Amino acid sequence: MAEIVNLRRVKKQRAAAAREAEAQQNRVLHGRTKGEKLRHQLTTERAARRAENARLDQDSNTEPNGT
């Protein structure tokens, strides 16, 4: 004899499995660990500081020889 199956339960299980598969794929594509996020933030800040420190000052519009 065939096994009696609750169709509503099977449908919910399939939907849950599909959601979990999509979530796993998104974790692989978009997920970063806390350490990776912190490292990215620190390198970005370091690069911004270097760019700011390398900027030439232009305090006045006069030429250096005073003319």
PDB file of N, CA and C in Angstrom:
ATOM      1  N   MET A   1       0.812  -1.178   0.000  1.00  0.00           N
ATOM      2  CA  MET A   1       0.000   0.000   0.000  1.00  0.00           C
ATOM      3  C   MET A   1       0.868   1.259   0.000  1.00  0.00           C
ATOM      4  N   ALA A   2       0.373   2.322  -0.527  1.00  0.00           N
ATOM      5  CA  ALA A   2       1.109   3.580  -0.609  1.00  0.00           C
ATOM      6  C   ALA A   2       1.074   4.307   0.731  1.00  0.00           C
ATOM      7  N   GLU A   3       2.102   5.106   0.946  1.00  0.00           N
ATOM      8  CA  GLU A   3       2.176   5.876   2.180  1.00  0.00           C
ATOM      9  C   GLU A   3       1.262   7.090   2.077  1.00  0.00           C
ATOM     10  N   ILE A   4       0.538   7.369   3.147  1.00  0.00           N
ATOM     11  CA  ILE A   4      -0.357   8.527   3.171  1.00  0.00           C
ATOM     12  C   ILE A   4       0.493   9.764   3.454  1.00  0.00           C
ATOM     13  N   VAL A   5       0.322  10.784   2.596  1.00  0.00           N
ATOM     14  CA  VAL A   5       1.142  11.987   2.689  1.00  0.00           C
ATOM     15  C   VAL A   5       0.233  13.190   2.854  1.00  0.00           C
ATOM     16  N   ASN A   6       0.580  14.029   3.812  1.00  0.00           N
ATOM     17  CA  ASN A   6      -0.128  15.276   3.995  1.00  0.00           C
ATOM     18  C   ASN A   6       0.455  16.280   2.997  1.00  0.00           C
ATOM     19  N   LEU A   7      -0.305  16.624   1.986  1.00  0.00           N
ATOM     20  CA  LEU A   7       0.190  17.480   0.907  1.00  0.00           C
ATOM     21  C   LEU A   7       0.573  18.875   1.394  1.00  0.00           C
ATOM     22  N   ARG A   8      -0.164  19.376   2.369  1.00  0.00           N
ATOM     23  CA  ARG A   8       0.147  20.706   2.891  1.00  0.00           C
ATOM     24  C   ARG A   8       1.519  20.705   3.559  1.00  0.00           C
ATOM     25  N   ARG A   9       1.811  19.659   4.326  1.00  0.00           N
ATOM     26  CA  ARG A   9       3.103  19.559   5.004  1.00  0.00           C
ATOM     27  C   ARG A   9       4.241  19.406   4.002  1.00  0.00           C
ATOM     28  N   VAL A  10       4.028  18.619   2.970  1.00  0.00           N
ATOM     29  CA  VAL A  10       5.055  18.425   1.944  1.00  0.00           C
ATOM     30  C   VAL A  10       5.326  19.743   1.221  1.00  0.00           C
ATOM     31  N   LYS A  11       4.270  20.473   0.926  1.00  0.00           N
ATOM     32  CA  LYS A  11       4.420  21.756   0.246  1.00  0.00           C
ATOM     33  C   LYS A  11       5.221  22.729   1.109  1.00  0.00           C
ATOM     34  N   LYS A  12       4.933  22.772   2.412  1.00  0.00           N
ATOM     35  CA  LYS A  12       5.657  23.652   3.317  1.00  0.00           C
ATOM     36  C   LYS A  12       7.128  23.237   3.432  1.00  0.00           C
ATOM     37  N   GLN A  13       7.388  21.944   3.459  1.00  0.00           N
ATOM     38  CA  GLN A  13       8.759  21.461   3.546  1.00  0.00           C
ATOM     39  C   GLN A  13       9.554  21.820   2.305  1.00  0.00           C
ATOM     40  N   ARG A  14       8.934  21.695   1.150  1.00  0.00           N
ATOM     41  CA  ARG A  14       9.615  22.064  -0.096  1.00  0.00           C
ATOM     42  C   ARG A  14       9.923  23.562  -0.125  1.00  0.00           C
ATOM     43  N   ALA A  15       8.954  24.366   0.315  1.00  0.00           N
ATOM     44  CA  ALA A  15       9.157  25.817   0.335  1.00  0.00           C
ATOM     45  C   ALA A  15      10.279  26.178   1.311  1.00  0.00           C
ATOM     46  N   ALA A  16      10.299  25.533   2.472  1.00  0.00           N
ATOM     47  CA  ALA A  16      11.346  25.809   3.451  1.00  0.00           C
ATOM     48  C   ALA A  16      12.710  25.409   2.912  1.00  0.00           C
ATOM     49  N   ALA A  17      12.787  24.290   2.224  1.00  0.00           N
ATOM     50  CA  ALA A  17      14.051  23.843   1.645  1.00  0.00           C
ATOM     51  C   ALA A  17      14.517  24.819   0.559  1.00  0.00           C
ATOM     52  N   ALA A  18      13.597  25.338  -0.225  1.00  0.00           N
ATOM     53  CA  ALA A  18      13.955  26.300  -1.265  1.00  0.00           C
ATOM     54  C   ALA A  18      14.465  27.604  -0.644  1.00  0.00           C
ATOM     55  N   ARG A  19      13.800  28.059   0.423  1.00  0.00           N
ATOM     56  CA  ARG A  19      14.253  29.275   1.112  1.00  0.00           C
ATOM     57  C   ARG A  19      15.632  29.083   1.719  1.00  0.00           C
ATOM     58  N   GLU A  20      15.861  27.929   2.310  1.00  0.00           N
ATOM     59  CA  GLU A  20      17.158  27.647   2.915  1.00  0.00           C
ATOM     60  C   GLU A  20      18.249  27.586   1.857  1.00  0.00           C
ATOM     61  N   ALA A  21      17.961  27.009   0.703  1.00  0.00           N
ATOM     62  CA  ALA A  21      18.945  26.945  -0.372  1.00  0.00           C
ATOM     63  C   ALA A  21      19.289  28.348  -0.870  1.00  0.00           C
ATOM     64  N   GLU A  22      18.287  29.185  -0.997  1.00  0.00           N
ATOM     65  CA  GLU A  22      18.522  30.569  -1.436  1.00  0.00           C
ATOM     66  C   GLU A  22      19.309  31.343  -0.382  1.00  0.00           C
ATOM     67  N   ALA A  23      18.983  31.125   0.880  1.00  0.00           N
ATOM     68  CA  ALA A  23      19.702  31.805   1.959  1.00  0.00           C
ATOM     69  C   ALA A  23      21.165  31.374   1.977  1.00  0.00           C
ATOM     70  N   GLN A  24      21.419  30.098   1.779  1.00  0.00           N
ATOM     71  CA  GLN A  24      22.796  29.600   1.751  1.00  0.00           C
ATOM     72  C   GLN A  24      23.574  30.229   0.598  1.00  0.00           C
ATOM     73  N   GLN A  25      22.938  30.329  -0.547  1.00  0.00           N
ATOM     74  CA  GLN A  25      23.587  30.938  -1.703  1.00  0.00           C
ATOM     75  C   GLN A  25      23.893  32.416  -1.432  1.00  0.00           C
ATOM     76  N   ASN A  26      22.966  33.132  -0.798  1.00  0.00           N
ATOM     77  CA  ASN A  26      23.194  34.539  -0.467  1.00  0.00           C
ATOM     78  C   ASN A  26      24.301  34.691   0.563  1.00  0.00           C
ATOM     79  N   ARG A  27      24.391  33.761   1.512  1.00  0.00           N
ATOM     80  CA  ARG A  27      25.468  33.823   2.497  1.00  0.00           C
ATOM     81  C   ARG A  27      26.813  33.661   1.815  1.00  0.00           C
ATOM     82  N   VAL A  28      26.873  32.802   0.832  1.00  0.00           N
ATOM     83  CA  VAL A  28      28.129  32.592   0.114  1.00  0.00           C
ATOM     84  C   VAL A  28      28.477  33.834  -0.711  1.00  0.00           C
ATOM     85  N   LEU A  29      27.494  34.407  -1.373  1.00  0.00           N
ATOM     86  CA  LEU A  29      27.748  35.547  -2.259  1.00  0.00           C
ATOM     87  C   LEU A  29      28.011  36.838  -1.490  1.00  0.00           C
ATOM     88  N   HIS A  30      27.244  37.099  -0.445  1.00  0.00           N
ATOM     89  CA  HIS A  30      27.273  38.415   0.195  1.00  0.00           C
ATOM     90  C   HIS A  30      27.839  38.402   1.605  1.00  0.00           C
ATOM     91  N   GLY A  31      27.960  37.260   2.192  1.00  0.00           N
ATOM     92  CA  GLY A  31      28.361  37.195   3.587  1.00  0.00           C
ATOM     93  C   GLY A  31      29.846  37.416   3.789  1.00  0.00           C
ATOM     94  N   ARG A  32      30.163  38.191   4.798  1.00  0.00           N
ATOM     95  CA  ARG A  32      31.553  38.394   5.194  1.00  0.00           C
ATOM     96  C   ARG A  32      31.611  38.249   6.700  1.00  0.00           C
ATOM     97  N   THR A  33      32.703  37.771   7.185  1.00  0.00           N
ATOM     98  CA  THR A  33      32.853  37.638   8.621  1.00  0.00           C
ATOM     99  C   THR A  33      33.089  39.009   9.233  1.00  0.00           C
ATOM    100  N   LYS A  34      32.974  39.073  10.546  1.00  0.00           N
ATOM    101  CA  LYS A  34      33.185  40.336  11.248  1.00  0.00           C
ATOM    102  C   LYS A  34      34.614  40.831  11.037  1.00  0.00           C
ATOM    103  N   GLY A  35      35.560  39.910  11.041  1.00  0.00           N
ATOM    104  CA  GLY A  35      36.952  40.279  10.818  1.00  0.00           C
ATOM    105  C   GLY A  35      37.184  40.849   9.432  1.00  0.00           C
ATOM    106  N   GLU A  36      36.541  40.265   8.434  1.00  0.00           N
ATOM    107  CA  GLU A  36      36.685  40.773   7.066  1.00  0.00           C
ATOM    108  C   GLU A  36      36.107  42.174   6.945  1.00  0.00           C
ATOM    109  N   LYS A  37      34.951  42.405   7.577  1.00  0.00           N
ATOM    110  CA  LYS A  37      34.340  43.732   7.539  1.00  0.00           C
ATOM    111  C   LYS A  37      35.233  44.753   8.230  1.00  0.00           C
ATOM    112  N   LEU A  38      35.800  44.385   9.377  1.00  0.00           N
ATOM    113  CA  LEU A  38      36.668  45.292  10.112  1.00  0.00           C
ATOM    114  C   LEU A  38      37.939  45.594   9.328  1.00  0.00           C
ATOM    115  N   ARG A  39      38.525  44.566   8.709  1.00  0.00           N
ATOM    116  CA  ARG A  39      39.738  44.773   7.913  1.00  0.00           C
ATOM    117  C   ARG A  39      39.458  45.709   6.748  1.00  0.00           C
ATOM    118  N   HIS A  40      38.329  45.537   6.072  1.00  0.00           N
ATOM    119  CA  HIS A  40      37.966  46.406   4.951  1.00  0.00           C
ATOM    120  C   HIS A  40      37.786  47.845   5.431  1.00  0.00           C
ATOM    121  N   GLN A  41      37.125  48.028   6.569  1.00  0.00           N
ATOM    122  CA  GLN A  41      36.908  49.363   7.112  1.00  0.00           C
ATOM    123  C   GLN A  41      38.238  50.028   7.449  1.00  0.00           C
ATOM    124  N   LEU A  42      39.142  49.281   8.082  1.00  0.00           N
ATOM    125  CA  LEU A  42      40.426  49.856   8.465  1.00  0.00           C
ATOM    126  C   LEU A  42      41.271  50.223   7.251  1.00  0.00           C
ATOM    127  N   THR A  43      41.292  49.374   6.233  1.00  0.00           N
ATOM    128  CA  THR A  43      42.081  49.694   5.046  1.00  0.00           C
ATOM    129  C   THR A  43      41.494  50.892   4.309  1.00  0.00           C
ATOM    130  N   THR A  44      40.181  51.015   4.299  1.00  0.00           N
ATOM    131  CA  THR A  44      39.540  52.165   3.659  1.00  0.00           C
ATOM    132  C   THR A  44      39.887  53.448   4.399  1.00  0.00           C
ATOM    133  N   GLU A  45      39.819  53.398   5.725  1.00  0.00           N
ATOM    134  CA  GLU A  45      40.164  54.579   6.516  1.00  0.00           C
ATOM    135  C   GLU A  45      41.640  54.938   6.344  1.00  0.00           C
ATOM    136  N   ARG A  46      42.504  53.948   6.308  1.00  0.00           N
ATOM    137  CA  ARG A  46      43.934  54.189   6.140  1.00  0.00           C
ATOM    138  C   ARG A  46      44.207  54.848   4.786  1.00  0.00           C
ATOM    139  N   ALA A  47      43.537  54.364   3.742  1.00  0.00           N
ATOM    140  CA  ALA A  47      43.723  54.944   2.415  1.00  0.00           C
ATOM    141  C   ALA A  47      43.219  56.383   2.381  1.00  0.00           C
ATOM    142  N   ALA A  48      42.121  56.664   3.070  1.00  0.00           N
ATOM    143  CA  ALA A  48      41.595  58.031   3.109  1.00  0.00           C
ATOM    144  C   ALA A  48      42.558  58.956   3.841  1.00  0.00           C
ATOM    145  N   ARG A  49      43.151  58.480   4.935  1.00  0.00           N
ATOM    146  CA  ARG A  49      44.120  59.296   5.666  1.00  0.00           C
ATOM    147  C   ARG A  49      45.345  59.574   4.809  1.00  0.00           C
ATOM    148  N   ARG A  50      45.830  58.570   4.093  1.00  0.00           N
ATOM    149  CA  ARG A  50      46.995  58.768   3.231  1.00  0.00           C
ATOM    150  C   ARG A  50      46.697  59.793   2.144  1.00  0.00           C
ATOM    151  N   ALA A  51      45.529  59.712   1.553  1.00  0.00           N
ATOM    152  CA  ALA A  51      45.160  60.657   0.502  1.00  0.00           C
ATOM    153  C   ALA A  51      45.049  62.067   1.067  1.00  0.00           C
ATOM    154  N   GLU A  52      44.487  62.176   2.269  1.00  0.00           N
ATOM    155  CA  GLU A  52      44.350  63.492   2.897  1.00  0.00           C
ATOM    156  C   GLU A  52      45.718  64.062   3.260  1.00  0.00           C
ATOM    157  N   ASN A  53      46.617  63.240   3.742  1.00  0.00           N
ATOM    158  CA  ASN A  53      47.949  63.717   4.110  1.00  0.00           C
ATOM    159  C   ASN A  53      48.797  64.050   2.887  1.00  0.00           C
ATOM    160  N   ALA A  54      48.520  63.461   1.770  1.00  0.00           N
ATOM    161  CA  ALA A  54      49.286  63.725   0.553  1.00  0.00           C
ATOM    162  C   ALA A  54      48.777  64.954  -0.189  1.00  0.00           C
ATOM    163  N   ARG A  55      47.642  65.480   0.247  1.00  0.00           N
ATOM    164  CA  ARG A  55      47.050  66.636  -0.418  1.00  0.00           C
ATOM    165  C   ARG A  55      47.905  67.877  -0.180  1.00  0.00           C
ATOM    166  N   LEU A  56      48.078  68.663  -1.203  1.00  0.00           N
ATOM    167  CA  LEU A  56      48.834  69.909  -1.089  1.00  0.00           C
ATOM    168  C   LEU A  56      47.920  70.989  -0.534  1.00  0.00           C
ATOM    169  N   ASP A  57      48.468  71.807   0.364  1.00  0.00           N
ATOM    170  CA  ASP A  57      47.680  72.891   0.952  1.00  0.00           C
ATOM    171  C   ASP A  57      47.599  74.049  -0.023  1.00  0.00           C
ATOM    172  N   GLN A  58      46.418  74.615  -0.155  1.00  0.00           N
ATOM    173  CA  GLN A  58      46.212  75.790  -0.986  1.00  0.00           C
ATOM    174  C   GLN A  58      45.448  76.804  -0.142  1.00  0.00           C
ATOM    175  N   ASP A  59      46.149  77.392   0.829  1.00  0.00           N
ATOM    176  CA  ASP A  59      45.506  78.306   1.764  1.00  0.00           C
ATOM    177  C   ASP A  59      45.136  79.635   1.131  1.00  0.00           C
ATOM    178  N   SER A  60      45.984  80.140   0.281  1.00  0.00           N
ATOM    179  CA  SER A  60      45.701  81.435  -0.327  1.00  0.00           C
ATOM    180  C   SER A  60      45.864  81.332  -1.843  1.00  0.00           C
ATOM    181  N   ASN A  61      45.286  82.318  -2.521  1.00  0.00           N
ATOM    182  CA  ASN A  61      45.359  82.328  -3.982  1.00  0.00           C
ATOM    183  C   ASN A  61      46.558  83.127  -4.498  1.00  0.00           C
ATOM    184  N   THR A  62      47.395  83.637  -3.605  1.00  0.00           N
ATOM    185  CA  THR A  62      48.561  84.415  -4.029  1.00  0.00           C
ATOM    186  C   THR A  62      49.694  83.505  -4.420  1.00  0.00           C
ATOM    187  N   GLU A  63      50.546  84.022  -5.274  1.00  0.00           N
ATOM    188  CA  GLU A  63      51.692  83.231  -5.712  1.00  0.00           C
ATOM    189  C   GLU A  63      52.769  83.275  -4.634  1.00  0.00           C
ATOM    190  N   PRO A  64      53.647  82.281  -4.595  1.00  0.00           N
ATOM    191  CA  PRO A  64      54.665  82.218  -3.543  1.00  0.00           C
ATOM    192  C   PRO A  64      55.639  83.389  -3.549  1.00  0.00           C
ATOM    193  N   ASN A  65      55.897  84.022  -4.697  1.00  0.00           N
ATOM    194  CA  ASN A  65      56.873  85.125  -4.730  1.00  0.00           C
ATOM    195  C   ASN A  65      56.252  86.452  -4.297  1.00  0.00           C
ATOM    196  N   GLY A  66      54.970  86.483  -3.992  1.00  0.00           N
ATOM    197  CA  GLY A  66      54.324  87.671  -3.446  1.00  0.00           C
ATOM    198  C   GLY A  66      53.836  88.655  -4.478  1.00  0.00           C
ATOM    199  N   THR A  67      53.798  88.323  -5.719  1.00  0.00           N
ATOM    200  CA  THR A  67      53.355  89.273  -6.748  1.00  0.00           C
ATOM    201  C   THR A  67      51.906  89.109  -7.055  1.00  0.00           C
TER     202      THR A  67
END
